[in-house]
N, C-alpha and C. Protein backbone atom coordinates (compact mmCIF):
# COMPACT_ATOMS: atom_id res chain seq x y z
N MET A 1 67.37 50.94 -118.81
CA MET A 1 68.06 50.03 -117.92
C MET A 1 67.11 48.91 -117.45
N TYR A 2 65.86 49.21 -117.30
CA TYR A 2 64.90 48.21 -116.85
C TYR A 2 64.80 47.04 -117.82
N PRO A 3 64.67 47.28 -119.14
CA PRO A 3 64.63 46.13 -120.07
C PRO A 3 65.93 45.33 -120.07
N GLN A 4 67.06 46.00 -119.86
CA GLN A 4 68.35 45.30 -119.83
C GLN A 4 68.39 44.31 -118.67
N LYS A 5 67.82 44.68 -117.53
CA LYS A 5 67.80 43.80 -116.37
C LYS A 5 66.96 42.56 -116.68
N HIS A 6 65.83 42.75 -117.36
CA HIS A 6 64.98 41.62 -117.73
C HIS A 6 65.68 40.69 -118.71
N LEU A 7 66.40 41.28 -119.65
CA LEU A 7 67.15 40.48 -120.63
C LEU A 7 68.22 39.65 -119.93
N GLN A 8 68.90 40.25 -118.97
CA GLN A 8 69.92 39.52 -118.22
C GLN A 8 69.31 38.38 -117.42
N ARG A 9 68.19 38.63 -116.77
CA ARG A 9 67.53 37.57 -116.00
C ARG A 9 67.09 36.43 -116.91
N ARG A 10 66.56 36.76 -118.08
CA ARG A 10 66.12 35.73 -119.01
C ARG A 10 67.31 34.89 -119.48
N LYS A 11 68.41 35.55 -119.81
CA LYS A 11 69.59 34.82 -120.29
C LYS A 11 70.19 33.96 -119.20
N ILE A 12 70.21 34.45 -117.97
CA ILE A 12 70.73 33.66 -116.85
C ILE A 12 69.83 32.45 -116.63
N SER A 13 68.53 32.66 -116.67
CA SER A 13 67.58 31.56 -116.50
C SER A 13 67.77 30.50 -117.58
N GLU A 14 67.93 30.94 -118.82
CA GLU A 14 68.14 30.00 -119.92
C GLU A 14 69.46 29.24 -119.77
N ALA A 15 70.50 29.94 -119.36
CA ALA A 15 71.80 29.28 -119.16
C ALA A 15 71.71 28.23 -118.05
N LEU A 16 71.03 28.57 -116.97
CA LEU A 16 70.90 27.63 -115.85
C LEU A 16 70.15 26.37 -116.26
N VAL A 17 69.06 26.53 -117.01
CA VAL A 17 68.26 25.37 -117.39
C VAL A 17 69.01 24.51 -118.42
N ILE A 18 69.80 25.13 -119.28
CA ILE A 18 70.59 24.37 -120.25
C ILE A 18 71.66 23.54 -119.53
N VAL A 19 72.34 24.16 -118.58
CA VAL A 19 73.36 23.43 -117.82
C VAL A 19 72.72 22.31 -117.00
N ALA A 20 71.57 22.58 -116.40
CA ALA A 20 70.87 21.57 -115.62
C ALA A 20 70.50 20.37 -116.48
N LEU A 21 69.96 20.61 -117.66
CA LEU A 21 69.58 19.51 -118.55
C LEU A 21 70.81 18.74 -119.02
N ALA A 22 71.89 19.46 -119.31
CA ALA A 22 73.13 18.78 -119.71
C ALA A 22 73.64 17.87 -118.59
N LEU A 23 73.58 18.33 -117.34
CA LEU A 23 74.02 17.52 -116.21
C LEU A 23 73.16 16.27 -116.06
N VAL A 24 71.85 16.42 -116.22
CA VAL A 24 70.95 15.27 -116.12
C VAL A 24 71.26 14.25 -117.21
N LEU A 25 71.47 14.73 -118.42
CA LEU A 25 71.74 13.80 -119.53
C LEU A 25 73.09 13.09 -119.37
N ILE A 26 74.10 13.81 -118.87
CA ILE A 26 75.39 13.18 -118.60
C ILE A 26 75.24 12.13 -117.51
N TYR A 27 74.50 12.47 -116.47
CA TYR A 27 74.25 11.55 -115.36
C TYR A 27 73.57 10.27 -115.85
N ILE A 28 72.53 10.43 -116.65
CA ILE A 28 71.79 9.26 -117.16
C ILE A 28 72.67 8.43 -118.09
N ALA A 29 73.42 9.09 -118.95
CA ALA A 29 74.29 8.35 -119.87
C ALA A 29 75.35 7.57 -119.10
N ASP A 30 75.93 8.18 -118.08
CA ASP A 30 76.95 7.50 -117.29
C ASP A 30 76.35 6.32 -116.53
N ALA A 31 75.16 6.51 -115.98
CA ALA A 31 74.50 5.42 -115.26
C ALA A 31 74.13 4.29 -116.21
N ALA A 32 73.71 4.62 -117.42
CA ALA A 32 73.34 3.59 -118.39
C ALA A 32 74.56 2.79 -118.84
N VAL A 33 75.67 3.47 -119.03
CA VAL A 33 76.90 2.78 -119.43
C VAL A 33 77.41 1.91 -118.29
N GLY A 34 77.33 2.42 -117.06
CA GLY A 34 77.84 1.69 -115.91
C GLY A 34 76.98 0.52 -115.47
N GLN A 35 75.68 0.59 -115.70
CA GLN A 35 74.76 -0.48 -115.28
C GLN A 35 74.99 -0.90 -113.83
N GLY A 36 75.01 0.08 -112.92
CA GLY A 36 75.18 -0.22 -111.51
C GLY A 36 76.63 -0.20 -111.06
N LYS A 37 77.55 -0.14 -112.00
CA LYS A 37 78.97 -0.05 -111.67
C LYS A 37 79.46 1.32 -112.11
N GLN A 38 80.77 1.46 -112.24
CA GLN A 38 81.34 2.72 -112.68
C GLN A 38 81.12 2.88 -114.18
N GLY A 39 80.63 4.04 -114.58
CA GLY A 39 80.40 4.32 -115.99
C GLY A 39 81.63 4.93 -116.63
N PHE A 40 81.43 5.84 -117.57
CA PHE A 40 82.57 6.46 -118.24
C PHE A 40 83.20 7.56 -117.40
N LEU A 41 82.52 8.02 -116.36
CA LEU A 41 83.11 8.98 -115.43
C LEU A 41 83.73 8.21 -114.26
N PRO A 42 84.89 8.63 -113.82
CA PRO A 42 85.54 7.92 -112.71
C PRO A 42 84.94 8.29 -111.35
N LEU A 43 83.64 8.03 -111.19
CA LEU A 43 82.94 8.37 -109.96
C LEU A 43 82.10 7.19 -109.50
N SER A 44 81.94 7.08 -108.21
CA SER A 44 81.03 6.06 -107.68
C SER A 44 79.60 6.51 -107.95
N ALA A 45 78.67 5.57 -107.83
CA ALA A 45 77.27 5.89 -108.09
C ALA A 45 76.77 6.96 -107.12
N ALA A 46 77.18 6.89 -105.87
CA ALA A 46 76.73 7.87 -104.87
C ALA A 46 77.28 9.27 -105.17
N LEU A 47 78.56 9.33 -105.51
CA LEU A 47 79.17 10.63 -105.82
C LEU A 47 78.60 11.20 -107.11
N ARG A 48 78.37 10.35 -108.08
CA ARG A 48 77.77 10.79 -109.35
C ARG A 48 76.38 11.38 -109.09
N GLY A 49 75.60 10.73 -108.23
CA GLY A 49 74.28 11.24 -107.90
C GLY A 49 74.32 12.58 -107.20
N MET A 50 75.27 12.74 -106.29
CA MET A 50 75.38 14.02 -105.59
C MET A 50 75.84 15.13 -106.51
N LEU A 51 76.85 14.85 -107.34
CA LEU A 51 77.40 15.90 -108.20
C LEU A 51 76.47 16.25 -109.36
N PHE A 52 75.99 15.26 -110.05
CA PHE A 52 75.20 15.51 -111.26
C PHE A 52 73.70 15.58 -110.98
N GLY A 53 73.19 14.67 -110.18
CA GLY A 53 71.76 14.64 -109.92
C GLY A 53 71.30 15.81 -109.06
N ALA A 54 71.93 15.97 -107.91
CA ALA A 54 71.51 17.04 -106.99
C ALA A 54 71.76 18.42 -107.58
N SER A 55 72.91 18.61 -108.21
CA SER A 55 73.20 19.94 -108.77
C SER A 55 72.25 20.28 -109.90
N SER A 56 71.85 19.30 -110.71
CA SER A 56 70.90 19.61 -111.78
C SER A 56 69.54 20.00 -111.21
N ILE A 57 69.11 19.33 -110.16
CA ILE A 57 67.82 19.68 -109.54
C ILE A 57 67.88 21.09 -108.98
N ILE A 58 68.96 21.44 -108.32
CA ILE A 58 69.12 22.79 -107.78
C ILE A 58 69.10 23.82 -108.90
N LEU A 59 69.79 23.51 -110.01
CA LEU A 59 69.83 24.44 -111.14
C LEU A 59 68.47 24.59 -111.81
N PHE A 60 67.69 23.52 -111.89
CA PHE A 60 66.34 23.63 -112.45
C PHE A 60 65.49 24.60 -111.61
N PHE A 61 65.53 24.44 -110.30
CA PHE A 61 64.76 25.33 -109.43
C PHE A 61 65.30 26.77 -109.50
N ALA A 62 66.62 26.93 -109.56
CA ALA A 62 67.21 28.26 -109.68
C ALA A 62 66.79 28.92 -110.99
N SER A 63 66.76 28.15 -112.05
CA SER A 63 66.34 28.68 -113.34
C SER A 63 64.90 29.18 -113.29
N PHE A 64 64.03 28.39 -112.65
CA PHE A 64 62.64 28.81 -112.51
C PHE A 64 62.56 30.10 -111.69
N GLY A 65 63.31 30.17 -110.60
CA GLY A 65 63.27 31.35 -109.74
C GLY A 65 63.80 32.60 -110.42
N VAL A 66 64.94 32.48 -111.08
CA VAL A 66 65.54 33.63 -111.76
C VAL A 66 64.65 34.08 -112.91
N GLY A 67 64.06 33.14 -113.62
CA GLY A 67 63.26 33.47 -114.78
C GLY A 67 61.80 33.70 -114.49
N PHE A 68 61.42 33.74 -113.21
CA PHE A 68 60.01 33.95 -112.88
C PHE A 68 59.56 35.30 -113.39
N GLY A 69 58.48 35.30 -114.15
CA GLY A 69 57.96 36.54 -114.72
C GLY A 69 58.61 36.92 -116.04
N GLN A 70 59.60 36.17 -116.47
CA GLN A 70 60.28 36.44 -117.74
C GLN A 70 59.72 35.51 -118.80
N LYS A 71 59.55 36.01 -120.01
CA LYS A 71 59.07 35.18 -121.11
C LYS A 71 60.27 34.52 -121.78
N SER A 72 60.29 33.19 -121.74
CA SER A 72 61.37 32.44 -122.37
C SER A 72 60.87 31.05 -122.72
N LYS A 73 60.79 30.79 -124.01
CA LYS A 73 60.37 29.46 -124.46
C LYS A 73 61.42 28.43 -124.09
N ILE A 74 62.69 28.80 -124.14
CA ILE A 74 63.78 27.86 -123.82
C ILE A 74 63.64 27.39 -122.38
N THR A 75 63.49 28.32 -121.45
CA THR A 75 63.37 27.94 -120.05
C THR A 75 62.13 27.07 -119.82
N THR A 76 61.03 27.46 -120.42
CA THR A 76 59.78 26.73 -120.23
C THR A 76 59.89 25.29 -120.74
N TYR A 77 60.30 25.14 -121.98
CA TYR A 77 60.33 23.81 -122.58
C TYR A 77 61.42 22.92 -121.97
N LEU A 78 62.54 23.50 -121.59
CA LEU A 78 63.58 22.68 -120.98
C LEU A 78 63.25 22.30 -119.54
N LEU A 79 62.48 23.13 -118.84
CA LEU A 79 61.98 22.71 -117.52
C LEU A 79 61.05 21.52 -117.67
N ILE A 80 60.18 21.58 -118.66
CA ILE A 80 59.26 20.46 -118.90
C ILE A 80 60.05 19.20 -119.25
N ALA A 81 60.99 19.33 -120.18
CA ALA A 81 61.78 18.17 -120.60
C ALA A 81 62.64 17.64 -119.46
N GLY A 82 63.30 18.53 -118.73
CA GLY A 82 64.17 18.11 -117.64
C GLY A 82 63.41 17.42 -116.52
N GLY A 83 62.25 17.95 -116.17
CA GLY A 83 61.43 17.31 -115.14
C GLY A 83 60.94 15.95 -115.57
N ALA A 84 60.49 15.85 -116.82
CA ALA A 84 60.01 14.56 -117.33
C ALA A 84 61.14 13.55 -117.39
N ILE A 85 62.31 13.97 -117.86
CA ILE A 85 63.45 13.05 -117.95
C ILE A 85 63.90 12.61 -116.56
N THR A 86 63.99 13.54 -115.64
CA THR A 86 64.42 13.20 -114.28
C THR A 86 63.46 12.23 -113.62
N GLY A 87 62.19 12.56 -113.59
CA GLY A 87 61.21 11.71 -112.93
C GLY A 87 61.06 10.36 -113.59
N THR A 88 60.97 10.36 -114.90
CA THR A 88 60.72 9.11 -115.62
C THR A 88 61.94 8.19 -115.62
N SER A 89 63.14 8.74 -115.74
CA SER A 89 64.32 7.88 -115.76
C SER A 89 64.53 7.20 -114.40
N VAL A 90 64.32 7.92 -113.32
CA VAL A 90 64.47 7.31 -112.00
C VAL A 90 63.36 6.30 -111.76
N LEU A 91 62.15 6.63 -112.19
CA LEU A 91 61.04 5.70 -112.05
C LEU A 91 61.29 4.43 -112.86
N GLY A 92 61.80 4.59 -114.07
CA GLY A 92 62.12 3.43 -114.91
C GLY A 92 63.23 2.58 -114.33
N ALA A 93 64.27 3.23 -113.82
CA ALA A 93 65.38 2.48 -113.22
C ALA A 93 64.91 1.72 -111.98
N ALA A 94 64.05 2.36 -111.19
CA ALA A 94 63.54 1.70 -109.98
C ALA A 94 62.64 0.53 -110.33
N SER A 95 61.88 0.64 -111.41
CA SER A 95 60.98 -0.45 -111.78
C SER A 95 61.74 -1.65 -112.35
N MET A 96 62.91 -1.39 -112.93
CA MET A 96 63.72 -2.48 -113.47
C MET A 96 64.63 -3.12 -112.43
N ALA A 97 64.78 -2.46 -111.29
CA ALA A 97 65.64 -2.98 -110.23
C ALA A 97 64.98 -4.18 -109.56
N LYS A 98 65.77 -4.87 -108.77
CA LYS A 98 65.27 -6.05 -108.08
C LYS A 98 64.11 -5.66 -107.16
N GLY A 99 63.01 -6.32 -107.29
CA GLY A 99 61.83 -6.04 -106.48
C GLY A 99 60.84 -5.13 -107.18
N GLY A 100 61.26 -4.42 -108.21
CA GLY A 100 60.36 -3.57 -108.96
C GLY A 100 59.86 -2.37 -108.19
N LEU A 101 58.76 -1.81 -108.62
CA LEU A 101 58.21 -0.60 -107.99
C LEU A 101 57.79 -0.78 -106.54
N PRO A 102 57.26 -1.94 -106.14
CA PRO A 102 56.89 -2.05 -104.72
C PRO A 102 58.09 -1.92 -103.77
N ALA A 103 59.28 -2.20 -104.27
CA ALA A 103 60.46 -2.15 -103.42
C ALA A 103 61.26 -0.84 -103.60
N ILE A 104 60.62 0.18 -104.17
CA ILE A 104 61.33 1.43 -104.42
C ILE A 104 61.74 2.09 -103.10
N GLN A 105 62.97 2.59 -103.08
CA GLN A 105 63.49 3.24 -101.88
C GLN A 105 62.89 4.64 -101.77
N ALA A 106 62.80 5.13 -100.56
CA ALA A 106 62.22 6.45 -100.33
C ALA A 106 63.02 7.55 -101.04
N SER A 107 64.35 7.41 -101.09
CA SER A 107 65.15 8.43 -101.75
C SER A 107 64.85 8.49 -103.24
N PHE A 108 64.65 7.32 -103.88
CA PHE A 108 64.31 7.31 -105.29
C PHE A 108 62.91 7.89 -105.51
N LEU A 109 62.01 7.57 -104.62
CA LEU A 109 60.65 8.11 -104.73
C LEU A 109 60.66 9.63 -104.61
N ALA A 110 61.51 10.15 -103.74
CA ALA A 110 61.63 11.60 -103.58
C ALA A 110 62.14 12.25 -104.85
N ILE A 111 63.10 11.61 -105.52
CA ILE A 111 63.63 12.15 -106.77
C ILE A 111 62.57 12.13 -107.86
N VAL A 112 61.78 11.07 -107.91
CA VAL A 112 60.69 10.99 -108.89
C VAL A 112 59.71 12.14 -108.65
N ILE A 113 59.35 12.38 -107.41
CA ILE A 113 58.41 13.46 -107.08
C ILE A 113 59.01 14.82 -107.44
N VAL A 114 60.27 15.03 -107.10
CA VAL A 114 60.93 16.30 -107.42
C VAL A 114 61.00 16.49 -108.95
N GLY A 115 61.29 15.42 -109.67
CA GLY A 115 61.32 15.52 -111.13
C GLY A 115 59.98 15.96 -111.70
N TYR A 116 58.91 15.39 -111.18
CA TYR A 116 57.59 15.78 -111.66
C TYR A 116 57.16 17.16 -111.16
N ILE A 117 57.71 17.61 -110.05
CA ILE A 117 57.48 18.99 -109.61
C ILE A 117 58.14 19.95 -110.59
N ILE A 118 59.36 19.63 -111.04
CA ILE A 118 60.04 20.45 -112.04
C ILE A 118 59.22 20.48 -113.33
N LEU A 119 58.71 19.33 -113.74
CA LEU A 119 57.82 19.27 -114.89
C LEU A 119 56.62 20.19 -114.68
N GLY A 120 56.05 20.15 -113.50
CA GLY A 120 54.91 21.00 -113.18
C GLY A 120 55.25 22.48 -113.24
N LEU A 121 56.45 22.85 -112.82
CA LEU A 121 56.87 24.25 -112.91
C LEU A 121 56.95 24.69 -114.37
N GLY A 122 57.43 23.81 -115.23
CA GLY A 122 57.47 24.13 -116.66
C GLY A 122 56.08 24.29 -117.23
N ILE A 123 55.17 23.41 -116.85
CA ILE A 123 53.79 23.50 -117.32
C ILE A 123 53.13 24.77 -116.78
N PHE A 124 53.44 25.13 -115.53
CA PHE A 124 52.93 26.37 -114.95
C PHE A 124 53.37 27.57 -115.78
N ARG A 125 54.65 27.57 -116.20
CA ARG A 125 55.14 28.66 -117.05
C ARG A 125 54.41 28.65 -118.39
N LEU A 126 54.16 27.47 -118.93
CA LEU A 126 53.49 27.35 -120.22
C LEU A 126 52.05 27.88 -120.14
N VAL A 127 51.37 27.55 -119.07
CA VAL A 127 50.00 28.02 -118.88
C VAL A 127 49.97 29.54 -118.71
N ARG A 128 50.99 30.06 -118.09
CA ARG A 128 51.07 31.52 -117.90
C ARG A 128 51.57 32.23 -119.16
N LYS A 129 51.63 31.52 -120.26
CA LYS A 129 52.04 32.05 -121.57
C LYS A 129 53.53 32.33 -121.66
N LEU A 130 54.32 31.35 -121.26
CA LEU A 130 55.77 31.36 -121.36
C LEU A 130 56.32 32.48 -120.50
C-alpha cells in the first residue's frame, strides 16, 4: 500500500503541473491574440489574469507540494518550463509596454518574481535528482 500512495502522489503532481502549464499557454495565446484587447476567449484582461494566471500559479505550487519527495521527470521539467514561461512572458510584455521596464507595475514585477520562484523550485527538484 505504501508504494501505491507514492504512485498516486506522483500522478497527481504530474496532472497538476500539466494543467498549470496548459493554463499558462492558453493565457499567453489569448493575450497575444488580443494585444491588450479581448482575445479569442470572451474575457476581459483582468478576468483572464485571475482565472488563468492566478490558477496556474497556484497549481504549479500545489504540484511541487504534492510531488515533494517523489521522483518525476515530468513534474520537474514542467515546473522549470512553466516558471521560465511565466516569468519571461510577463517580463517581455512589460518591456514592450509603454515606458518599458522602468515603468513596470508592481503587480507585474511580482508575477515575474513568482515565475522565477517556480523555475527555482523545478531546478531544486532537478538538483535533488528529480
